[in-house]
PDB file of N, CA and C in Angstrom:
ATOM      1  N   MET A   1      39.311 -92.119 -15.247  1.00  0.00           N
ATOM      2  CA  MET A   1      38.832 -91.614 -16.350  1.00  0.00           C
ATOM      3  C   MET A   1      37.743 -91.784 -17.146  1.00  0.00           C
ATOM      4  N   GLU A   2      36.779 -91.744 -17.477  1.00  0.00           N
ATOM      5  CA  GLU A   2      35.284 -91.850 -17.834  1.00  0.00           C
ATOM      6  C   GLU A   2      35.146 -91.253 -19.329  1.00  0.00           C
ATOM      7  N   ARG A   3      35.930 -90.268 -19.361  1.00  0.00           N
ATOM      8  CA  ARG A   3      34.874 -89.542 -20.992  1.00  0.00           C
ATOM      9  C   ARG A   3      36.549 -88.830 -21.401  1.00  0.00           C
ATOM     10  N   PRO A   4      36.277 -89.029 -22.750  1.00  0.00           N
ATOM     11  CA  PRO A   4      38.007 -87.573 -23.093  1.00  0.00           C
ATOM     12  C   PRO A   4      37.833 -86.385 -23.053  1.00  0.00           C
ATOM     13  N   GLY A   5      38.701 -85.777 -22.908  1.00  0.00           N
ATOM     14  CA  GLY A   5      38.555 -84.462 -22.357  1.00  0.00           C
ATOM     15  C   GLY A   5      38.365 -83.598 -20.979  1.00  0.00           C
ATOM     16  N   GLN A   6      38.443 -85.447 -20.015  1.00  0.00           N
ATOM     17  CA  GLN A   6      38.777 -84.836 -18.981  1.00  0.00           C
ATOM     18  C   GLN A   6      39.815 -84.295 -17.976  1.00  0.00           C
ATOM     19  N   LEU A   7      39.566 -83.055 -17.613  1.00  0.00           N
ATOM     20  CA  LEU A   7      40.763 -82.247 -16.911  1.00  0.00           C
ATOM     21  C   LEU A   7      41.078 -83.186 -16.058  1.00  0.00           C
ATOM     22  N   VAL A   8      43.216 -83.383 -15.974  1.00  0.00           N
ATOM     23  CA  VAL A   8      43.616 -83.931 -15.188  1.00  0.00           C
ATOM     24  C   VAL A   8      44.881 -82.758 -14.190  1.00  0.00           C
ATOM     25  N   GLN A   9      44.696 -83.619 -13.237  1.00  0.00           N
ATOM     26  CA  GLN A   9      45.729 -82.625 -12.668  1.00  0.00           C
ATOM     27  C   GLN A   9      47.227 -83.659 -12.137  1.00  0.00           C
ATOM     28  N   PRO A  10      48.180 -82.733 -12.188  1.00  0.00           N
ATOM     29  CA  PRO A  10      49.509 -83.175 -11.532  1.00  0.00           C
ATOM     30  C   PRO A  10      48.859 -84.536 -10.345  1.00  0.00           C
ATOM     31  N   GLY A  11      49.879 -85.422 -10.630  1.00  0.00           N
ATOM     32  CA  GLY A  11      49.123 -86.696  -9.748  1.00  0.00           C
ATOM     33  C   GLY A  11      48.260 -87.860 -10.506  1.00  0.00           C
ATOM     34  N   ASP A  12      47.285 -87.111 -11.270  1.00  0.00           N
ATOM     35  CA  ASP A  12      46.264 -88.029 -11.805  1.00  0.00           C
ATOM     36  C   ASP A  12      46.882 -89.318 -12.434  1.00  0.00           C
ATOM     37  N   THR A  13      46.304 -90.545 -12.744  1.00  0.00           N
ATOM     38  CA  THR A  13      47.055 -91.110 -13.720  1.00  0.00           C
ATOM     39  C   THR A  13      45.900 -92.120 -14.273  1.00  0.00           C
ATOM     40  N   VAL A  14      45.890 -92.197 -15.539  1.00  0.00           N
ATOM     41  CA  VAL A  14      45.150 -92.450 -16.269  1.00  0.00           C
ATOM     42  C   VAL A  14      45.389 -94.036 -17.240  1.00  0.00           C
ATOM     43  N   THR A  15      44.582 -94.610 -16.988  1.00  0.00           N
ATOM     44  CA  THR A  15      45.095 -96.175 -17.597  1.00  0.00           C
ATOM     45  C   THR A  15      43.998 -96.643 -18.625  1.00  0.00           C
ATOM     46  N   VAL A  16      44.015 -97.867 -19.515  1.00  0.00           N
ATOM     47  CA  VAL A  16      43.041 -98.186 -20.072  1.00  0.00           C
ATOM     48  C   VAL A  16      42.470 -99.207 -19.839  1.00  0.00           C
ATOM     49  N   THR A  17      41.355 -99.349 -19.803  1.00  0.00           N
ATOM     50  CA  THR A  17      40.243-100.365 -19.337  1.00  0.00           C
ATOM     51  C   THR A  17      40.267-101.335 -19.040  1.00  0.00           C
ATOM     52  N   THR A  18      40.037-102.423 -18.133  1.00  0.00           N
ATOM     53  CA  THR A  18      40.336-103.765 -18.178  1.00  0.00           C
ATOM     54  C   THR A  18      39.842-104.477 -19.588  1.00  0.00           C
ATOM     55  N   ARG A  19      38.416-103.946 -19.572  1.00  0.00           N
ATOM     56  CA  ARG A  19      38.160-104.264 -21.070  1.00  0.00           C
ATOM     57  C   ARG A  19      38.706-104.039 -22.292  1.00  0.00           C
ATOM     58  N   SER A  20      39.472-103.082 -22.607  1.00  0.00           N
ATOM     59  CA  SER A  20      39.941-102.337 -23.227  1.00  0.00           C
ATOM     60  C   SER A  20      41.359-102.743 -23.575  1.00  0.00           C
ATOM     61  N   ARG A  21      42.083-103.746 -22.557  1.00  0.00           N
ATOM     62  CA  ARG A  21      43.051-104.277 -22.472  1.00  0.00           C
ATOM     63  C   ARG A  21      43.506-105.293 -23.774  1.00  0.00           C
ATOM     64  N   ALA A  22      42.313-105.923 -23.740  1.00  0.00           N
ATOM     65  CA  ALA A  22      42.204-107.451 -24.673  1.00  0.00           C
ATOM     66  C   ALA A  22      42.818-106.558 -26.446  1.00  0.00           C
ATOM     67  N   ILE A  23      42.434-105.668 -26.552  1.00  0.00           N
ATOM     68  CA  ILE A  23      42.390-104.966 -27.982  1.00  0.00           C
ATOM     69  C   ILE A  23      44.000-104.950 -28.105  1.00  0.00           C
ATOM     70  N   PRO A  24      44.252-105.579 -29.706  1.00  0.00           N
ATOM     71  CA  PRO A  24      45.446-106.286 -30.137  1.00  0.00           C
ATOM     72  C   PRO A  24      46.793-104.893 -29.915  1.00  0.00           C
ATOM     73  N   ALA A  25      45.886-103.554 -30.646  1.00  0.00           N
ATOM     74  CA  ALA A  25      47.029-102.587 -30.471  1.00  0.00           C
ATOM     75  C   ALA A  25      47.375-101.998 -28.659  1.00  0.00           C
ATOM     76  N   PHE A  26      46.635-102.234 -28.160  1.00  0.00           N
ATOM     77  CA  PHE A  26      47.362-102.036 -26.688  1.00  0.00           C
ATOM     78  C   PHE A  26      47.851-103.380 -26.370  1.00  0.00           C
ATOM     79  N   ARG A  27      47.470-104.298 -26.329  1.00  0.00           N
ATOM     80  CA  ARG A  27      48.482-105.792 -25.990  1.00  0.00           C
ATOM     81  C   ARG A  27      49.785-105.563 -26.369  1.00  0.00           C
ATOM     82  N   MET A  28      49.924-105.078 -27.978  1.00  0.00           N
ATOM     83  CA  MET A  28      51.061-105.107 -28.188  1.00  0.00           C
ATOM     84  C   MET A  28      52.056-104.033 -27.324  1.00  0.00           C
ATOM     85  N   LEU A  29      51.364-103.016 -26.848  1.00  0.00           N
ATOM     86  CA  LEU A  29      51.894-101.537 -26.398  1.00  0.00           C
ATOM     87  C   LEU A  29      52.917-102.405 -24.738  1.00  0.00           C
ATOM     88  N   SER A  30      51.878-103.043 -24.583  1.00  0.00           N
ATOM     89  CA  SER A  30      52.429-103.429 -23.382  1.00  0.00           C
ATOM     90  C   SER A  30      53.276-104.614 -22.975  1.00  0.00           C
ATOM     91  N   ASP A  31      53.285-105.534 -24.279  1.00  0.00           N
ATOM     92  CA  ASP A  31      54.457-106.319 -24.303  1.00  0.00           C
ATOM     93  C   ASP A  31      55.536-106.296 -24.737  1.00  0.00           C
ATOM     94  N   GLU A  32      55.782-104.839 -25.647  1.00  0.00           N
ATOM     95  CA  GLU A  32      56.775-104.796 -26.072  1.00  0.00           C
ATOM     96  C   GLU A  32      57.769-103.988 -24.702  1.00  0.00           C
ATOM     97  N   PRO A  33      59.175-104.431 -25.021  1.00  0.00           N
ATOM     98  CA  PRO A  33      59.962-103.699 -23.929  1.00  0.00           C
ATOM     99  C   PRO A  33      60.197-102.440 -23.944  1.00  0.00           C
ATOM    100  N   ALA A  34      60.723-102.000 -25.369  1.00  0.00           N
ATOM    101  CA  ALA A  34      60.713-100.572 -25.170  1.00  0.00           C
ATOM    102  C   ALA A  34      59.760 -99.985 -26.333  1.00  0.00           C
ATOM    103  N   PRO A  35      59.438 -98.538 -26.146  1.00  0.00           N
ATOM    104  CA  PRO A  35      58.178 -97.740 -26.737  1.00  0.00           C
ATOM    105  C   PRO A  35      58.632 -97.607 -28.291  1.00  0.00           C
ATOM    106  N   ALA A  36      58.014 -97.473 -29.187  1.00  0.00           N
ATOM    107  CA  ALA A  36      58.773 -97.324 -30.772  1.00  0.00           C
ATOM    108  C   ALA A  36      59.249 -96.121 -30.484  1.00  0.00           C
ATOM    109  N   ALA A  37      60.174 -96.036 -31.350  1.00  0.00           N
ATOM    110  CA  ALA A  37      60.798 -94.797 -31.669  1.00  0.00           C
ATOM    111  C   ALA A  37      60.071 -93.368 -32.481  1.00  0.00           C
ATOM    112  N   ALA A  38      59.646 -93.875 -32.764  1.00  0.00           N
ATOM    113  CA  ALA A  38      58.344 -92.781 -33.321  1.00  0.00           C
ATOM    114  C   ALA A  38      57.479 -91.923 -32.339  1.00  0.00           C
ATOM    115  N   VAL A  39      57.288 -92.765 -31.578  1.00  0.00           N
ATOM    116  CA  VAL A  39      56.219 -92.135 -30.374  1.00  0.00           C
ATOM    117  C   VAL A  39      56.957 -91.207 -29.365  1.00  0.00           C
ATOM    118  N   ILE A  40      56.477 -89.895 -29.197  1.00  0.00           N
ATOM    119  CA  ILE A  40      57.428 -89.009 -28.519  1.00  0.00           C
ATOM    120  C   ILE A  40      56.595 -88.856 -27.352  1.00  0.00           C
ATOM    121  N   THR A  41      56.956 -89.223 -25.826  1.00  0.00           N
ATOM    122  CA  THR A  41      56.127 -88.738 -25.105  1.00  0.00           C
ATOM    123  C   THR A  41      56.218 -87.520 -24.226  1.00  0.00           C
ATOM    124  N   PRO A  42      55.333 -86.210 -24.323  1.00  0.00           N
ATOM    125  CA  PRO A  42      55.594 -85.140 -23.549  1.00  0.00           C
ATOM    126  C   PRO A  42      56.494 -85.227 -22.371  1.00  0.00           C
ATOM    127  N   PRO A  43      57.207 -84.274 -21.966  1.00  0.00           N
ATOM    128  CA  PRO A  43      58.077 -84.342 -20.623  1.00  0.00           C
ATOM    129  C   PRO A  43      57.073 -84.056 -19.769  1.00  0.00           C
ATOM    130  N   HIS A  44      55.894 -83.678 -19.690  1.00  0.00           N
ATOM    131  CA  HIS A  44      55.324 -83.538 -18.391  1.00  0.00           C
ATOM    132  C   HIS A  44      54.169 -84.902 -18.373  1.00  0.00           C
ATOM    133  N   LEU A  45      54.508 -86.423 -19.050  1.00  0.00           N
ATOM    134  CA  LEU A  45      53.971 -87.400 -18.505  1.00  0.00           C
ATOM    135  C   LEU A  45      54.912 -88.361 -18.259  1.00  0.00           C
ATOM    136  N   GLU A  46      54.759 -89.344 -17.137  1.00  0.00           N
ATOM    137  CA  GLU A  46      55.302 -90.404 -17.308  1.00  0.00           C
ATOM    138  C   GLU A  46      54.266 -92.233 -17.910  1.00  0.00           C
ATOM    139  N   VAL A  47      54.834 -92.253 -18.481  1.00  0.00           N
ATOM    140  CA  VAL A  47      54.378 -93.422 -19.383  1.00  0.00           C
ATOM    141  C   VAL A  47      54.406 -94.753 -18.757  1.00  0.00           C
ATOM    142  N   ARG A  48      53.625 -96.028 -18.602  1.00  0.00           N
ATOM    143  CA  ARG A  48      54.066 -97.137 -17.875  1.00  0.00           C
ATOM    144  C   ARG A  48      53.462 -97.936 -18.928  1.00  0.00           C
ATOM    145  N   HIS A  49      54.550 -98.376 -19.971  1.00  0.00           N
ATOM    146  CA  HIS A  49      54.030 -99.106 -20.794  1.00  0.00           C
ATOM    147  C   HIS A  49      53.349-100.617 -20.597  1.00  0.00           C
ATOM    148  N   HIS A  50      53.922-101.153 -19.571  1.00  0.00           N
ATOM    149  CA  HIS A  50      53.411-102.887 -18.827  1.00  0.00           C
ATOM    150  C   HIS A  50      52.324-102.312 -18.589  1.00  0.00           C
ATOM    151  N   ASP A  51      52.299-101.342 -17.822  1.00  0.00           N
ATOM    152  CA  ASP A  51      50.646-101.172 -16.858  1.00  0.00           C
ATOM    153  C   ASP A  51      49.372-100.641 -17.642  1.00  0.00           C
ATOM    154  N   LEU A  52      49.863 -99.982 -19.125  1.00  0.00           N
ATOM    155  CA  LEU A  52      49.114 -99.534 -19.905  1.00  0.00           C
ATOM    156  C   LEU A  52      48.635 -97.728 -19.286  1.00  0.00           C
ATOM    157  N   ALA A  53      49.755 -97.508 -18.304  1.00  0.00           N
ATOM    158  CA  ALA A  53      49.031 -95.904 -17.649  1.00  0.00           C
ATOM    159  C   ALA A  53      50.059 -95.100 -18.002  1.00  0.00           C
ATOM    160  N   VAL A  54      49.178 -93.822 -17.735  1.00  0.00           N
ATOM    161  CA  VAL A  54      50.157 -92.729 -18.222  1.00  0.00           C
ATOM    162  C   VAL A  54      49.801 -91.906 -16.523  1.00  0.00           C
ATOM    163  N   ILE A  55      50.862 -91.158 -16.103  1.00  0.00           N
ATOM    164  CA  ILE A  55      50.682 -90.515 -14.935  1.00  0.00           C
ATOM    165  C   ILE A  55      51.257 -89.385 -15.318  1.00  0.00           C
ATOM    166  N   VAL A  56      50.262 -88.287 -14.807  1.00  0.00           N
ATOM    167  CA  VAL A  56      50.691 -86.251 -14.893  1.00  0.00           C
ATOM    168  C   VAL A  56      51.361 -86.298 -13.903  1.00  0.00           C
ATOM    169  N   SER A  57      52.945 -85.907 -14.454  1.00  0.00           N
ATOM    170  CA  SER A  57      53.676 -85.616 -13.356  1.00  0.00           C
ATOM    171  C   SER A  57      53.631 -83.997 -12.703  1.00  0.00           C
ATOM    172  N   ARG A  58      53.452 -82.974 -14.100  1.00  0.00           N
ATOM    173  CA  ARG A  58      53.433 -81.581 -13.781  1.00  0.00           C
ATOM    174  C   ARG A  58      52.381 -80.958 -14.988  1.00  0.00           C
ATOM    175  N   ARG A  59      52.149 -79.551 -14.590  1.00  0.00           N
ATOM    176  CA  ARG A  59      51.777 -79.168 -15.904  1.00  0.00           C
ATOM    177  C   ARG A  59      52.590 -78.891 -16.770  1.00  0.00           C
ATOM    178  N   PRO A  60      51.744 -79.160 -18.082  1.00  0.00           N
ATOM    179  CA  PRO A  60      52.750 -78.570 -19.512  1.00  0.00           C
ATOM    180  C   PRO A  60      52.837 -77.268 -19.415  1.00  0.00           C
ATOM    181  N   ARG A  61      54.389 -76.853 -19.759  1.00  0.00           N
ATOM    182  CA  ARG A  61      54.853 -75.230 -19.892  1.00  0.00           C
ATOM    183  C   ARG A  61      54.214 -75.076 -21.642  1.00  0.00           C
ATOM    184  N   ARG A  62      53.845 -73.998 -21.489  1.00  0.00           N
ATOM    185  CA  ARG A  62      52.947 -73.597 -22.858  1.00  0.00           C
ATOM    186  C   ARG A  62      53.825 -73.826 -24.106  1.00  0.00           C
ATOM    187  N   ARG A  63      55.121 -73.705 -23.864  1.00  0.00           N
ATOM    188  CA  ARG A  63      55.969 -74.366 -25.017  1.00  0.00           C
ATOM    189  C   ARG A  63      55.865 -75.570 -25.311  1.00  0.00           C
ATOM    190  N   GLU A  64      55.204 -76.447 -24.506  1.00  0.00           N
ATOM    191  CA  GLU A  64      54.952 -77.671 -24.856  1.00  0.00           C
ATOM    192  C   GLU A  64      54.185 -78.040 -25.410  1.00  0.00           C
ATOM    193  N   ILE A  65      53.102 -77.437 -25.757  1.00  0.00           N
ATOM    194  CA  ILE A  65      51.565 -77.703 -26.339  1.00  0.00           C
ATOM    195  C   ILE A  65      51.713 -77.428 -27.561  1.00  0.00           C
ATOM    196  N   PRO A  66      51.348 -78.206 -28.460  1.00  0.00           N
ATOM    197  CA  PRO A  66      51.535 -78.029 -29.661  1.00  0.00           C
ATOM    198  C   PRO A  66      50.250 -77.170 -30.517  1.00  0.00           C
ATOM    199  N   VAL A  67      50.172 -76.358 -30.827  1.00  0.00           N
ATOM    200  CA  VAL A  67      49.205 -75.126 -30.968  1.00  0.00           C
ATOM    201  C   VAL A  67      49.357 -75.295 -33.005  1.00  0.00           C
ATOM    202  N   ALA A  68      47.888 -75.131 -33.419  1.00  0.00           N
ATOM    203  CA  ALA A  68      47.916 -75.231 -34.860  1.00  0.00           C
ATOM    204  C   ALA A  68      47.853 -74.009 -35.551  1.00  0.00           C
ATOM    205  N   CYS A  69      47.403 -72.761 -33.911  1.00  0.00           N
ATOM    206  CA  CYS A  69      47.332 -71.613 -34.775  1.00  0.00           C
ATOM    207  C   CYS A  69      48.095 -70.456 -34.026  1.00  0.00           C
ATOM    208  N   ASP A  70      48.521 -69.530 -34.487  1.00  0.00           N
ATOM    209  CA  ASP A  70      48.787 -68.260 -33.970  1.00  0.00           C
ATOM    210  C   ASP A  70      48.289 -67.537 -32.615  1.00  0.00           C
ATOM    211  N   GLY A  71      48.396 -68.127 -31.559  1.00  0.00           N
ATOM    212  CA  GLY A  71      47.964 -67.504 -30.006  1.00  0.00           C
ATOM    213  C   GLY A  71      47.767 -65.854 -30.204  1.00  0.00           C
ATOM    214  N   ASP A  72      48.134 -65.486 -30.493  1.00  0.00           N
ATOM    215  CA  ASP A  72      48.393 -63.681 -30.181  1.00  0.00           C
ATOM    216  C   ASP A  72      47.240 -63.317 -31.599  1.00  0.00           C
ATOM    217  N   LEU A  73      47.114 -63.893 -32.660  1.00  0.00           N
ATOM    218  CA  LEU A  73      45.877 -63.766 -33.541  1.00  0.00           C
ATOM    219  C   LEU A  73      44.777 -63.884 -32.887  1.00  0.00           C
ATOM    220  N   ALA A  74      44.514 -65.152 -32.272  1.00  0.00           N
ATOM    221  CA  ALA A  74      43.518 -65.583 -32.044  1.00  0.00           C
ATOM    222  C   ALA A  74      42.960 -64.984 -30.711  1.00  0.00           C
ATOM    223  N   VAL A  75      43.595 -64.323 -29.780  1.00  0.00           N
ATOM    224  CA  VAL A  75      43.515 -63.218 -28.789  1.00  0.00           C
ATOM    225  C   VAL A  75      43.050 -61.960 -29.154  1.00  0.00           C
ATOM    226  N   GLU A  76      43.520 -61.114 -30.279  1.00  0.00           N
ATOM    227  CA  GLU A  76      43.356 -60.416 -31.257  1.00  0.00           C
ATOM    228  C   GLU A  76      42.131 -60.757 -31.407  1.00  0.00           C
ATOM    229  N   TYR A  77      41.611 -62.000 -32.200  1.00  0.00           N
ATOM    230  CA  TYR A  77      40.273 -61.850 -32.757  1.00  0.00           C
ATOM    231  C   TYR A  77      39.013 -62.076 -31.645  1.00  0.00           C
ATOM    232  N   LEU A  78      39.137 -62.766 -30.898  1.00  0.00           N
ATOM    233  CA  LEU A  78      38.263 -62.569 -29.561  1.00  0.00           C
ATOM    234  C   LEU A  78      38.009 -61.401 -28.855  1.00  0.00           C
ATOM    235  N   ALA A  79      39.506 -60.421 -28.794  1.00  0.00           N
ATOM    236  CA  ALA A  79      38.980 -59.366 -28.418  1.00  0.00           C
ATOM    237  C   ALA A  79      37.921 -58.338 -28.768  1.00  0.00           C
ATOM    238  N   ARG A  80      37.618 -58.757 -30.354  1.00  0.00           N
ATOM    239  CA  ARG A  80      36.489 -57.874 -30.744  1.00  0.00           C
ATOM    240  C   ARG A  80      35.437 -57.713 -30.204  1.00  0.00           C
TER     241      ARG A  80
END
């Protein structure tokens, strides 16, 4: 992954760059034996904290994607 917002497919792996692994926040994530309780991992992602990597295991279901607006109203507005 070279740019934010890049489309990923099931089976793709997203990792932190070698240069960024020295950042204290990333070092803390890779050194902790278990992730923080406040972090909820989406079910369609497999997180590997030690490797600072995320594997896309499948496409997310619609109900798993947080949406900040009413989808029906957006479709109605765009249909005009």
